[in-house]
Amino acid sequence: MTDVKITIIDRQGVKHEVDAPTDMNMNLMEIVRSYELAPEGTIGICGGMAMCASCQCYVLSDHELPEMSYDEDLMLSEAFNVQENSRLGCQIFIKEELEGLEVELAPEV
């Protein structure tokens, strides 16, 4: 099992360095939920289907992420507090290339 270190800044501004497994096909939203970095019921409301933007985050590091899907782009076009570096956590799958990734959770709407 290979884990990568990811830094997640929660909605209160607290930094958390977490270990994220690369061999379980998990996404960033699931990592946030598993470490309880957002109150239950406030992140991943749609179950990771890119339909609610509750897992929106701001990518702070210079990692090259997979291109945004049409569904993710469409959801972010309707979301609040969107910035140039906004992505949906449910669409960022944990891979070895994400070692050192740093993200900040977008404010809850």
PDB file of N, CA and C in Angstrom:
ATOM      1  N   MET A   1       0.850  -1.188   0.000  1.00  0.00           N
ATOM      2  CA  MET A   1       0.000   0.000   0.000  1.00  0.00           C
ATOM      3  C   MET A   1       0.887   1.239   0.000  1.00  0.00           C
ATOM      4  N   THR A   2       0.596   2.168  -0.896  1.00  0.00           N
ATOM      5  CA  THR A   2       1.338   3.412  -0.983  1.00  0.00           C
ATOM      6  C   THR A   2       0.419   4.561  -0.596  1.00  0.00           C
ATOM      7  N   ASP A   3       0.887   5.368   0.327  1.00  0.00           N
ATOM      8  CA  ASP A   3       0.142   6.559   0.718  1.00  0.00           C
ATOM      9  C   ASP A   3       0.889   7.792   0.227  1.00  0.00           C
ATOM     10  N   VAL A   4       0.145   8.875  -0.023  1.00  0.00           N
ATOM     11  CA  VAL A   4       0.745  10.168  -0.326  1.00  0.00           C
ATOM     12  C   VAL A   4       0.329  11.145   0.758  1.00  0.00           C
ATOM     13  N   LYS A   5       1.173  12.119   1.016  1.00  0.00           N
ATOM     14  CA  LYS A   5       0.856  13.186   1.974  1.00  0.00           C
ATOM     15  C   LYS A   5       0.137  14.293   1.231  1.00  0.00           C
ATOM     16  N   ILE A   6      -0.998  14.693   1.771  1.00  0.00           N
ATOM     17  CA  ILE A   6      -1.795  15.788   1.207  1.00  0.00           C
ATOM     18  C   ILE A   6      -2.102  16.755   2.333  1.00  0.00           C
ATOM     19  N   THR A   7      -2.026  18.041   2.044  1.00  0.00           N
ATOM     20  CA  THR A   7      -2.398  19.056   3.026  1.00  0.00           C
ATOM     21  C   THR A   7      -3.764  19.604   2.655  1.00  0.00           C
ATOM     22  N   ILE A   8      -4.670  19.555   3.626  1.00  0.00           N
ATOM     23  CA  ILE A   8      -6.037  20.045   3.429  1.00  0.00           C
ATOM     24  C   ILE A   8      -6.287  21.126   4.461  1.00  0.00           C
ATOM     25  N   ILE A   9      -6.664  22.309   3.990  1.00  0.00           N
ATOM     26  CA  ILE A   9      -7.033  23.405   4.885  1.00  0.00           C
ATOM     27  C   ILE A   9      -8.552  23.373   5.021  1.00  0.00           C
ATOM     28  N   ASP A  10      -9.024  23.168   6.248  1.00  0.00           N
ATOM     29  CA  ASP A  10     -10.472  23.043   6.451  1.00  0.00           C
ATOM     30  C   ASP A  10     -11.148  24.413   6.383  1.00  0.00           C
ATOM     31  N   ARG A  11     -12.443  24.431   6.570  1.00  0.00           N
ATOM     32  CA  ARG A  11     -13.220  25.674   6.432  1.00  0.00           C
ATOM     33  C   ARG A  11     -13.002  26.653   7.573  1.00  0.00           C
ATOM     34  N   GLN A  12     -12.295  26.236   8.606  1.00  0.00           N
ATOM     35  CA  GLN A  12     -11.934  27.144   9.697  1.00  0.00           C
ATOM     36  C   GLN A  12     -10.502  27.657   9.522  1.00  0.00           C
ATOM     37  N   GLY A  13      -9.845  27.253   8.435  1.00  0.00           N
ATOM     38  CA  GLY A  13      -8.488  27.698   8.160  1.00  0.00           C
ATOM     39  C   GLY A  13      -7.402  26.859   8.807  1.00  0.00           C
ATOM     40  N   VAL A  14      -7.756  25.703   9.378  1.00  0.00           N
ATOM     41  CA  VAL A  14      -6.784  24.830  10.040  1.00  0.00           C
ATOM     42  C   VAL A  14      -6.182  23.882   9.005  1.00  0.00           C
ATOM     43  N   LYS A  15      -4.843  23.794   8.991  1.00  0.00           N
ATOM     44  CA  LYS A  15      -4.128  22.904   8.072  1.00  0.00           C
ATOM     45  C   LYS A  15      -4.038  21.500   8.659  1.00  0.00           C
ATOM     46  N   HIS A  16      -4.322  20.509   7.820  1.00  0.00           N
ATOM     47  CA  HIS A  16      -4.220  19.106   8.214  1.00  0.00           C
ATOM     48  C   HIS A  16      -3.359  18.394   7.182  1.00  0.00           C
ATOM     49  N   GLU A  17      -2.274  17.759   7.631  1.00  0.00           N
ATOM     50  CA  GLU A  17      -1.489  16.920   6.731  1.00  0.00           C
ATOM     51  C   GLU A  17      -1.969  15.492   6.938  1.00  0.00           C
ATOM     52  N   VAL A  18      -2.484  14.906   5.869  1.00  0.00           N
ATOM     53  CA  VAL A  18      -3.085  13.577   5.973  1.00  0.00           C
ATOM     54  C   VAL A  18      -2.382  12.598   5.036  1.00  0.00           C
ATOM     55  N   ASP A  19      -2.518  11.322   5.366  1.00  0.00           N
ATOM     56  CA  ASP A  19      -2.039  10.252   4.504  1.00  0.00           C
ATOM     57  C   ASP A  19      -3.227   9.768   3.680  1.00  0.00           C
ATOM     58  N   ALA A  20      -3.049   9.760   2.362  1.00  0.00           N
ATOM     59  CA  ALA A  20      -4.120   9.328   1.469  1.00  0.00           C
ATOM     60  C   ALA A  20      -3.647   8.110   0.675  1.00  0.00           C
ATOM     61  N   PRO A  21      -4.391   7.003   0.735  1.00  0.00           N
ATOM     62  CA  PRO A  21      -3.974   5.788   0.033  1.00  0.00           C
ATOM     63  C   PRO A  21      -4.169   5.914  -1.478  1.00  0.00           C
ATOM     64  N   THR A  22      -3.185   5.418  -2.221  1.00  0.00           N
ATOM     65  CA  THR A  22      -3.277   5.463  -3.680  1.00  0.00           C
ATOM     66  C   THR A  22      -3.835   4.163  -4.268  1.00  0.00           C
ATOM     67  N   ASP A  23      -4.044   3.172  -3.434  1.00  0.00           N
ATOM     68  CA  ASP A  23      -4.456   1.864  -3.948  1.00  0.00           C
ATOM     69  C   ASP A  23      -5.925   1.531  -3.661  1.00  0.00           C
ATOM     70  N   MET A  24      -6.719   2.533  -3.308  1.00  0.00           N
ATOM     71  CA  MET A  24      -8.124   2.249  -2.969  1.00  0.00           C
ATOM     72  C   MET A  24      -9.108   2.985  -3.874  1.00  0.00           C
ATOM     73  N   ASN A  25      -8.606   3.641  -4.925  1.00  0.00           N
ATOM     74  CA  ASN A  25      -9.439   4.394  -5.869  1.00  0.00           C
ATOM     75  C   ASN A  25     -10.305   5.443  -5.158  1.00  0.00           C
ATOM     76  N   MET A  26      -9.736   6.068  -4.122  1.00  0.00           N
ATOM     77  CA  MET A  26     -10.462   7.105  -3.383  1.00  0.00           C
ATOM     78  C   MET A  26     -10.246   8.459  -4.051  1.00  0.00           C
ATOM     79  N   ASN A  27     -11.198   9.358  -3.812  1.00  0.00           N
ATOM     80  CA  ASN A  27     -11.034  10.723  -4.298  1.00  0.00           C
ATOM     81  C   ASN A  27     -10.838  11.659  -3.107  1.00  0.00           C
ATOM     82  N   LEU A  28     -10.525  12.900  -3.407  1.00  0.00           N
ATOM     83  CA  LEU A  28     -10.225  13.868  -2.357  1.00  0.00           C
ATOM     84  C   LEU A  28     -11.413  14.091  -1.422  1.00  0.00           C
ATOM     85  N   MET A  29     -12.619  14.123  -1.952  1.00  0.00           N
ATOM     86  CA  MET A  29     -13.818  14.291  -1.115  1.00  0.00           C
ATOM     87  C   MET A  29     -13.927  13.162  -0.096  1.00  0.00           C
ATOM     88  N   GLU A  30     -13.628  11.942  -0.517  1.00  0.00           N
ATOM     89  CA  GLU A  30     -13.694  10.799   0.401  1.00  0.00           C
ATOM     90  C   GLU A  30     -12.612  10.890   1.476  1.00  0.00           C
ATOM     91  N   ILE A  31     -11.454  11.426   1.126  1.00  0.00           N
ATOM     92  CA  ILE A  31     -10.385  11.621   2.111  1.00  0.00           C
ATOM     93  C   ILE A  31     -10.841  12.631   3.157  1.00  0.00           C
ATOM     94  N   VAL A  32     -11.424  13.744   2.714  1.00  0.00           N
ATOM     95  CA  VAL A  32     -11.932  14.762   3.650  1.00  0.00           C
ATOM     96  C   VAL A  32     -12.956  14.148   4.584  1.00  0.00           C
ATOM     97  N   ARG A  33     -13.858  13.340   4.049  1.00  0.00           N
ATOM     98  CA  ARG A  33     -14.877  12.694   4.882  1.00  0.00           C
ATOM     99  C   ARG A  33     -14.259  11.690   5.850  1.00  0.00           C
ATOM    100  N   SER A  34     -13.286  10.906   5.378  1.00  0.00           N
ATOM    101  CA  SER A  34     -12.714   9.873   6.250  1.00  0.00           C
ATOM    102  C   SER A  34     -11.929  10.475   7.411  1.00  0.00           C
ATOM    103  N   TYR A  35     -11.347  11.644   7.209  1.00  0.00           N
ATOM    104  CA  TYR A  35     -10.629  12.322   8.293  1.00  0.00           C
ATOM    105  C   TYR A  35     -11.535  13.298   9.062  1.00  0.00           C
ATOM    106  N   GLU A  36     -12.811  13.348   8.688  1.00  0.00           N
ATOM    107  CA  GLU A  36     -13.803  14.211   9.341  1.00  0.00           C
ATOM    108  C   GLU A  36     -13.329  15.665   9.402  1.00  0.00           C
ATOM    109  N   LEU A  37     -12.896  16.187   8.232  1.00  0.00           N
ATOM    110  CA  LEU A  37     -12.400  17.558   8.153  1.00  0.00           C
ATOM    111  C   LEU A  37     -13.497  18.564   7.806  1.00  0.00           C
ATOM    112  N   ALA A  38     -14.706  18.064   7.642  1.00  0.00           N
ATOM    113  CA  ALA A  38     -15.880  18.917   7.437  1.00  0.00           C
ATOM    114  C   ALA A  38     -17.040  18.234   8.155  1.00  0.00           C
ATOM    115  N   PRO A  39     -17.948  19.023   8.735  1.00  0.00           N
ATOM    116  CA  PRO A  39     -19.081  18.411   9.439  1.00  0.00           C
ATOM    117  C   PRO A  39     -19.875  17.477   8.520  1.00  0.00           C
ATOM    118  N   GLU A  40     -20.308  16.362   9.086  1.00  0.00           N
ATOM    119  CA  GLU A  40     -21.085  15.395   8.321  1.00  0.00           C
ATOM    120  C   GLU A  40     -22.296  16.078   7.693  1.00  0.00           C
ATOM    121  N   GLY A  41     -22.565  15.723   6.455  1.00  0.00           N
ATOM    122  CA  GLY A  41     -23.704  16.303   5.749  1.00  0.00           C
ATOM    123  C   GLY A  41     -23.388  17.618   5.056  1.00  0.00           C
ATOM    124  N   THR A  42     -22.121  18.058   5.116  1.00  0.00           N
ATOM    125  CA  THR A  42     -21.763  19.325   4.463  1.00  0.00           C
ATOM    126  C   THR A  42     -20.803  19.121   3.295  1.00  0.00           C
ATOM    127  N   ILE A  43     -20.367  17.904   3.069  1.00  0.00           N
ATOM    128  CA  ILE A  43     -19.443  17.639   1.951  1.00  0.00           C
ATOM    129  C   ILE A  43     -19.792  16.302   1.321  1.00  0.00           C
ATOM    130  N   GLY A  44     -19.807  16.279   0.000  1.00  0.00           N
ATOM    131  CA  GLY A  44     -20.138  15.041  -0.707  1.00  0.00           C
ATOM    132  C   GLY A  44     -21.602  14.694  -0.638  1.00  0.00           C
ATOM    133  N   ILE A  45     -22.449  15.682  -0.638  1.00  0.00           N
ATOM    134  CA  ILE A  45     -23.893  15.468  -0.488  1.00  0.00           C
ATOM    135  C   ILE A  45     -24.449  14.595  -1.618  1.00  0.00           C
ATOM    136  N   CYS A  46     -23.925  14.768  -2.836  1.00  0.00           N
ATOM    137  CA  CYS A  46     -24.437  13.990  -3.976  1.00  0.00           C
ATOM    138  C   CYS A  46     -23.772  12.622  -4.081  1.00  0.00           C
ATOM    139  N   GLY A  47     -22.848  12.326  -3.179  1.00  0.00           N
ATOM    140  CA  GLY A  47     -22.170  11.036  -3.199  1.00  0.00           C
ATOM    141  C   GLY A  47     -21.022  10.954  -4.181  1.00  0.00           C
ATOM    142  N   GLY A  48     -20.549  12.100  -4.646  1.00  0.00           N
ATOM    143  CA  GLY A  48     -19.399  12.107  -5.544  1.00  0.00           C
ATOM    144  C   GLY A  48     -19.750  12.039  -7.014  1.00  0.00           C
ATOM    145  N   MET A  49     -20.929  12.509  -7.375  1.00  0.00           N
ATOM    146  CA  MET A  49     -21.384  12.445  -8.760  1.00  0.00           C
ATOM    147  C   MET A  49     -21.201  13.765  -9.525  1.00  0.00           C
ATOM    148  N   ALA A  50     -20.484  14.733  -8.943  1.00  0.00           N
ATOM    149  CA  ALA A  50     -20.276  16.057  -9.560  1.00  0.00           C
ATOM    150  C   ALA A  50     -21.599  16.772  -9.797  1.00  0.00           C
ATOM    151  N   MET A  51     -22.515  16.636  -8.818  1.00  0.00           N
ATOM    152  CA  MET A  51     -23.845  17.226  -8.978  1.00  0.00           C
ATOM    153  C   MET A  51     -24.217  18.231  -7.888  1.00  0.00           C
ATOM    154  N   CYS A  52     -23.291  18.558  -6.956  1.00  0.00           N
ATOM    155  CA  CYS A  52     -23.709  19.467  -5.883  1.00  0.00           C
ATOM    156  C   CYS A  52     -22.681  20.528  -5.520  1.00  0.00           C
ATOM    157  N   ALA A  53     -21.429  20.345  -5.833  1.00  0.00           N
ATOM    158  CA  ALA A  53     -20.334  21.285  -5.526  1.00  0.00           C
ATOM    159  C   ALA A  53     -20.079  21.463  -4.030  1.00  0.00           C
ATOM    160  N   SER A  54     -20.617  20.580  -3.180  1.00  0.00           N
ATOM    161  CA  SER A  54     -20.343  20.701  -1.740  1.00  0.00           C
ATOM    162  C   SER A  54     -18.899  20.344  -1.413  1.00  0.00           C
ATOM    163  N   CYS A  55     -18.195  19.689  -2.337  1.00  0.00           N
ATOM    164  CA  CYS A  55     -16.792  19.311  -2.114  1.00  0.00           C
ATOM    165  C   CYS A  55     -15.831  20.232  -2.857  1.00  0.00           C
ATOM    166  N   GLN A  56     -16.333  21.385  -3.281  1.00  0.00           N
ATOM    167  CA  GLN A  56     -15.463  22.319  -4.008  1.00  0.00           C
ATOM    168  C   GLN A  56     -14.247  22.676  -3.153  1.00  0.00           C
ATOM    169  N   CYS A  57     -13.102  22.708  -3.792  1.00  0.00           N
ATOM    170  CA  CYS A  57     -11.885  23.097  -3.092  1.00  0.00           C
ATOM    171  C   CYS A  57     -11.041  23.958  -4.020  1.00  0.00           C
ATOM    172  N   TYR A  58     -10.096  24.650  -3.414  1.00  0.00           N
ATOM    173  CA  TYR A  58      -9.163  25.481  -4.155  1.00  0.00           C
ATOM    174  C   TYR A  58      -7.814  24.779  -4.148  1.00  0.00           C
ATOM    175  N   VAL A  59      -7.275  24.497  -5.302  1.00  0.00           N
ATOM    176  CA  VAL A  59      -5.985  23.822  -5.414  1.00  0.00           C
ATOM    177  C   VAL A  59      -4.894  24.879  -5.275  1.00  0.00           C
ATOM    178  N   LEU A  60      -4.105  24.776  -4.199  1.00  0.00           N
ATOM    179  CA  LEU A  60      -3.096  25.788  -3.889  1.00  0.00           C
ATOM    180  C   LEU A  60      -1.712  25.424  -4.413  1.00  0.00           C
ATOM    181  N   SER A  61      -1.452  24.146  -4.618  1.00  0.00           N
ATOM    182  CA  SER A  61      -0.140  23.712  -5.107  1.00  0.00           C
ATOM    183  C   SER A  61      -0.158  23.676  -6.642  1.00  0.00           C
ATOM    184  N   ASP A  62       1.015  23.483  -7.225  1.00  0.00           N
ATOM    185  CA  ASP A  62       1.160  23.511  -8.684  1.00  0.00           C
ATOM    186  C   ASP A  62       1.045  22.129  -9.327  1.00  0.00           C
ATOM    187  N   HIS A  63       0.300  21.244  -8.732  1.00  0.00           N
ATOM    188  CA  HIS A  63       0.163  19.901  -9.293  1.00  0.00           C
ATOM    189  C   HIS A  63      -0.638  19.948 -10.592  1.00  0.00           C
ATOM    190  N   GLU A  64      -0.222  19.126 -11.520  1.00  0.00           N
ATOM    191  CA  GLU A  64      -0.973  18.998 -12.759  1.00  0.00           C
ATOM    192  C   GLU A  64      -2.072  17.966 -12.534  1.00  0.00           C
ATOM    193  N   LEU A  65      -3.306  18.427 -12.567  1.00  0.00           N
ATOM    194  CA  LEU A  65      -4.454  17.545 -12.326  1.00  0.00           C
ATOM    195  C   LEU A  65      -5.058  17.127 -13.653  1.00  0.00           C
ATOM    196  N   PRO A  66      -5.792  16.028 -13.664  1.00  0.00           N
ATOM    197  CA  PRO A  66      -6.486  15.635 -14.897  1.00  0.00           C
ATOM    198  C   PRO A  66      -7.406  16.767 -15.362  1.00  0.00           C
ATOM    199  N   GLU A  67      -7.596  16.823 -16.653  1.00  0.00           N
ATOM    200  CA  GLU A  67      -8.464  17.855 -17.226  1.00  0.00           C
ATOM    201  C   GLU A  67      -9.863  17.748 -16.630  1.00  0.00           C
ATOM    202  N   MET A  68     -10.493  18.890 -16.441  1.00  0.00           N
ATOM    203  CA  MET A  68     -11.833  18.936 -15.870  1.00  0.00           C
ATOM    204  C   MET A  68     -12.835  18.325 -16.848  1.00  0.00           C
ATOM    205  N   SER A  69     -13.707  17.471 -16.333  1.00  0.00           N
ATOM    206  CA  SER A  69     -14.744  16.873 -17.181  1.00  0.00           C
ATOM    207  C   SER A  69     -15.831  17.907 -17.468  1.00  0.00           C
ATOM    208  N   TYR A  70     -16.641  17.606 -18.458  1.00  0.00           N
ATOM    209  CA  TYR A  70     -17.754  18.486 -18.802  1.00  0.00           C
ATOM    210  C   TYR A  70     -18.684  18.670 -17.601  1.00  0.00           C
ATOM    211  N   ASP A  71     -19.000  17.567 -16.892  1.00  0.00           N
ATOM    212  CA  ASP A  71     -19.910  17.630 -15.743  1.00  0.00           C
ATOM    213  C   ASP A  71     -19.329  18.488 -14.620  1.00  0.00           C
ATOM    214  N   GLU A  72     -18.024  18.351 -14.359  1.00  0.00           N
ATOM    215  CA  GLU A  72     -17.398  19.156 -13.306  1.00  0.00           C
ATOM    216  C   GLU A  72     -17.409  20.631 -13.687  1.00  0.00           C
ATOM    217  N   ASP A  73     -17.065  20.930 -14.924  1.00  0.00           N
ATOM    218  CA  ASP A  73     -17.054  22.308 -15.407  1.00  0.00           C
ATOM    219  C   ASP A  73     -18.453  22.920 -15.309  1.00  0.00           C
ATOM    220  N   LEU A  74     -19.447  22.165 -15.699  1.00  0.00           N
ATOM    221  CA  LEU A  74     -20.833  22.630 -15.646  1.00  0.00           C
ATOM    222  C   LEU A  74     -21.267  22.907 -14.206  1.00  0.00           C
ATOM    223  N   MET A  75     -20.928  21.992 -13.289  1.00  0.00           N
ATOM    224  CA  MET A  75     -21.303  22.176 -11.881  1.00  0.00           C
ATOM    225  C   MET A  75     -20.623  23.411 -11.307  1.00  0.00           C
ATOM    226  N   LEU A  76     -19.345  23.593 -11.592  1.00  0.00           N
ATOM    227  CA  LEU A  76     -18.633  24.762 -11.060  1.00  0.00           C
ATOM    228  C   LEU A  76     -19.158  26.063 -11.659  1.00  0.00           C
ATOM    229  N   SER A  77     -19.703  26.008 -12.865  1.00  0.00           N
ATOM    230  CA  SER A  77     -20.250  27.231 -13.473  1.00  0.00           C
ATOM    231  C   SER A  77     -21.506  27.698 -12.741  1.00  0.00           C
ATOM    232  N   GLU A  78     -22.122  26.803 -11.952  1.00  0.00           N
ATOM    233  CA  GLU A  78     -23.335  27.145 -11.207  1.00  0.00           C
ATOM    234  C   GLU A  78     -23.088  27.281  -9.703  1.00  0.00           C
ATOM    235  N   ALA A  79     -21.860  27.021  -9.263  1.00  0.00           N
ATOM    236  CA  ALA A  79     -21.549  27.014  -7.828  1.00  0.00           C
ATOM    237  C   ALA A  79     -21.224  28.420  -7.323  1.00  0.00           C
ATOM    238  N   PHE A  80     -21.210  28.571  -6.011  1.00  0.00           N
ATOM    239  CA  PHE A  80     -20.836  29.821  -5.356  1.00  0.00           C
ATOM    240  C   PHE A  80     -19.350  29.784  -4.999  1.00  0.00           C
ATOM    241  N   ASN A  81     -18.761  30.952  -4.790  1.00  0.00           N
ATOM    242  CA  ASN A  81     -17.365  31.093  -4.325  1.00  0.00           C
ATOM    243  C   ASN A  81     -16.355  30.423  -5.244  1.00  0.00           C
ATOM    244  N   VAL A  82     -16.656  30.359  -6.539  1.00  0.00           N
ATOM    245  CA  VAL A  82     -15.749  29.724  -7.490  1.00  0.00           C
ATOM    246  C   VAL A  82     -14.575  30.650  -7.778  1.00  0.00           C
ATOM    247  N   GLN A  83     -13.383  30.056  -7.815  1.00  0.00           N
ATOM    248  CA  GLN A  83     -12.162  30.790  -8.163  1.00  0.00           C
ATOM    249  C   GLN A  83     -11.492  30.076  -9.330  1.00  0.00           C
ATOM    250  N   GLU A  84     -10.448  30.695  -9.884  1.00  0.00           N
ATOM    251  CA  GLU A  84      -9.741  30.084 -11.014  1.00  0.00           C
ATOM    252  C   GLU A  84      -9.191  28.705 -10.690  1.00  0.00           C
ATOM    253  N   ASN A  85      -8.826  28.487  -9.418  1.00  0.00           N
ATOM    254  CA  ASN A  85      -8.227  27.213  -9.014  1.00  0.00           C
ATOM    255  C   ASN A  85      -9.239  26.266  -8.377  1.00  0.00           C
ATOM    256  N   SER A  86     -10.530  26.513  -8.589  1.00  0.00           N
ATOM    257  CA  SER A  86     -11.575  25.639  -8.028  1.00  0.00           C
ATOM    258  C   SER A  86     -11.631  24.304  -8.766  1.00  0.00           C
ATOM    259  N   ARG A  87     -11.803  23.254  -7.988  1.00  0.00           N
ATOM    260  CA  ARG A  87     -12.066  21.912  -8.516  1.00  0.00           C
ATOM    261  C   ARG A  87     -13.031  21.235  -7.559  1.00  0.00           C
ATOM    262  N   LEU A  88     -13.678  20.190  -8.037  1.00  0.00           N
ATOM    263  CA  LEU A  88     -14.524  19.373  -7.170  1.00  0.00           C
ATOM    264  C   LEU A  88     -13.672  18.236  -6.622  1.00  0.00           C
ATOM    265  N   GLY A  89     -13.648  18.117  -5.302  1.00  0.00           N
ATOM    266  CA  GLY A  89     -12.845  17.080  -4.660  1.00  0.00           C
ATOM    267  C   GLY A  89     -13.217  15.678  -5.104  1.00  0.00           C
ATOM    268  N   CYS A  90     -14.481  15.473  -5.443  1.00  0.00           N
ATOM    269  CA  CYS A  90     -14.929  14.139  -5.856  1.00  0.00           C
ATOM    270  C   CYS A  90     -14.361  13.741  -7.214  1.00  0.00           C
ATOM    271  N   GLN A  91     -13.803  14.691  -7.928  1.00  0.00           N
ATOM    272  CA  GLN A  91     -13.252  14.410  -9.253  1.00  0.00           C
ATOM    273  C   GLN A  91     -11.723  14.326  -9.258  1.00  0.00           C
ATOM    274  N   ILE A  92     -11.112  14.469  -8.075  1.00  0.00           N
ATOM    275  CA  ILE A  92      -9.654  14.365  -7.952  1.00  0.00           C
ATOM    276  C   ILE A  92      -9.336  13.032  -7.280  1.00  0.00           C
ATOM    277  N   PHE A  93      -8.918  12.065  -8.073  1.00  0.00           N
ATOM    278  CA  PHE A  93      -8.624  10.740  -7.535  1.00  0.00           C
ATOM    279  C   PHE A  93      -7.181  10.687  -7.037  1.00  0.00           C
ATOM    280  N   ILE A  94      -6.997  10.023  -5.919  1.00  0.00           N
ATOM    281  CA  ILE A  94      -5.699   9.970  -5.246  1.00  0.00           C
ATOM    282  C   ILE A  94      -4.752   9.061  -6.026  1.00  0.00           C
ATOM    283  N   LYS A  95      -3.670   9.661  -6.501  1.00  0.00           N
ATOM    284  CA  LYS A  95      -2.635   8.942  -7.242  1.00  0.00           C
ATOM    285  C   LYS A  95      -1.279   9.392  -6.702  1.00  0.00           C
ATOM    286  N   GLU A  96      -0.254   8.609  -6.983  1.00  0.00           N
ATOM    287  CA  GLU A  96       1.088   8.911  -6.475  1.00  0.00           C
ATOM    288  C   GLU A  96       1.562  10.301  -6.899  1.00  0.00           C
ATOM    289  N   GLU A  97       1.129  10.776  -8.067  1.00  0.00           N
ATOM    290  CA  GLU A  97       1.537  12.092  -8.568  1.00  0.00           C
ATOM    291  C   GLU A  97       1.024  13.234  -7.687  1.00  0.00           C
ATOM    292  N   LEU A  98       0.099  12.947  -6.793  1.00  0.00           N
ATOM    293  CA  LEU A  98      -0.476  13.995  -5.942  1.00  0.00           C
ATOM    294  C   LEU A  98       0.279  14.174  -4.627  1.00  0.00           C
ATOM    295  N   GLU A  99       1.413  13.495  -4.474  1.00  0.00           N
ATOM    296  CA  GLU A  99       2.247  13.688  -3.281  1.00  0.00           C
ATOM    297  C   GLU A  99       2.490  15.183  -3.090  1.00  0.00           C
ATOM    298  N   GLY A 100       2.170  15.684  -1.889  1.00  0.00           N
ATOM    299  CA  GLY A 100       2.388  17.098  -1.566  1.00  0.00           C
ATOM    300  C   GLY A 100       1.279  18.033  -2.001  1.00  0.00           C
ATOM    301  N   LEU A 101       0.204  17.513  -2.546  1.00  0.00           N
ATOM    302  CA  LEU A 101      -0.928  18.340  -2.959  1.00  0.00           C
ATOM    303  C   LEU A 101      -1.418  19.176  -1.787  1.00  0.00           C
ATOM    304  N   GLU A 102      -1.763  20.425  -2.052  1.00  0.00           N
ATOM    305  CA  GLU A 102      -2.324  21.286  -1.019  1.00  0.00           C
ATOM    306  C   GLU A 102      -3.618  21.912  -1.545  1.00  0.00           C
ATOM    307  N   VAL A 103      -4.686  21.738  -0.775  1.00  0.00           N
ATOM    308  CA  VAL A 103      -5.989  22.281  -1.162  1.00  0.00           C
ATOM    309  C   VAL A 103      -6.635  22.958   0.045  1.00  0.00           C
ATOM    310  N   GLU A 104      -7.555  23.850  -0.264  1.00  0.00           N
ATOM    311  CA  GLU A 104      -8.357  24.501   0.777  1.00  0.00           C
ATOM    312  C   GLU A 104      -9.820  24.269   0.450  1.00  0.00           C
ATOM    313  N   LEU A 105     -10.594  23.838   1.425  1.00  0.00           N
ATOM    314  CA  LEU A 105     -12.021  23.619   1.201  1.00  0.00           C
ATOM    315  C   LEU A 105     -12.718  24.957   0.994  1.00  0.00           C
ATOM    316  N   ALA A 106     -13.568  25.024  -0.009  1.00  0.00           N
ATOM    317  CA  ALA A 106     -14.343  26.239  -0.259  1.00  0.00           C
ATOM    318  C   ALA A 106     -15.365  26.427   0.868  1.00  0.00           C
ATOM    319  N   PRO A 107     -15.776  27.673   1.127  1.00  0.00           N
ATOM    320  CA  PRO A 107     -16.762  27.901   2.188  1.00  0.00           C
ATOM    321  C   PRO A 107     -18.056  27.140   1.929  1.00  0.00           C
ATOM    322  N   GLU A 108     -18.701  26.731   2.998  1.00  0.00           N
ATOM    323  CA  GLU A 108     -19.997  26.061   2.888  1.00  0.00           C
ATOM    324  C   GLU A 108     -21.044  27.099   2.502  1.00  0.00           C
ATOM    325  N   VAL A 109     -21.917  26.714   1.597  1.00  0.00           N
ATOM    326  CA  VAL A 109     -22.959  27.654   1.150  1.00  0.00           C
ATOM    327  C   VAL A 109     -24.269  27.309   1.801  1.00  0.00           C
TER     328      VAL A 109
END
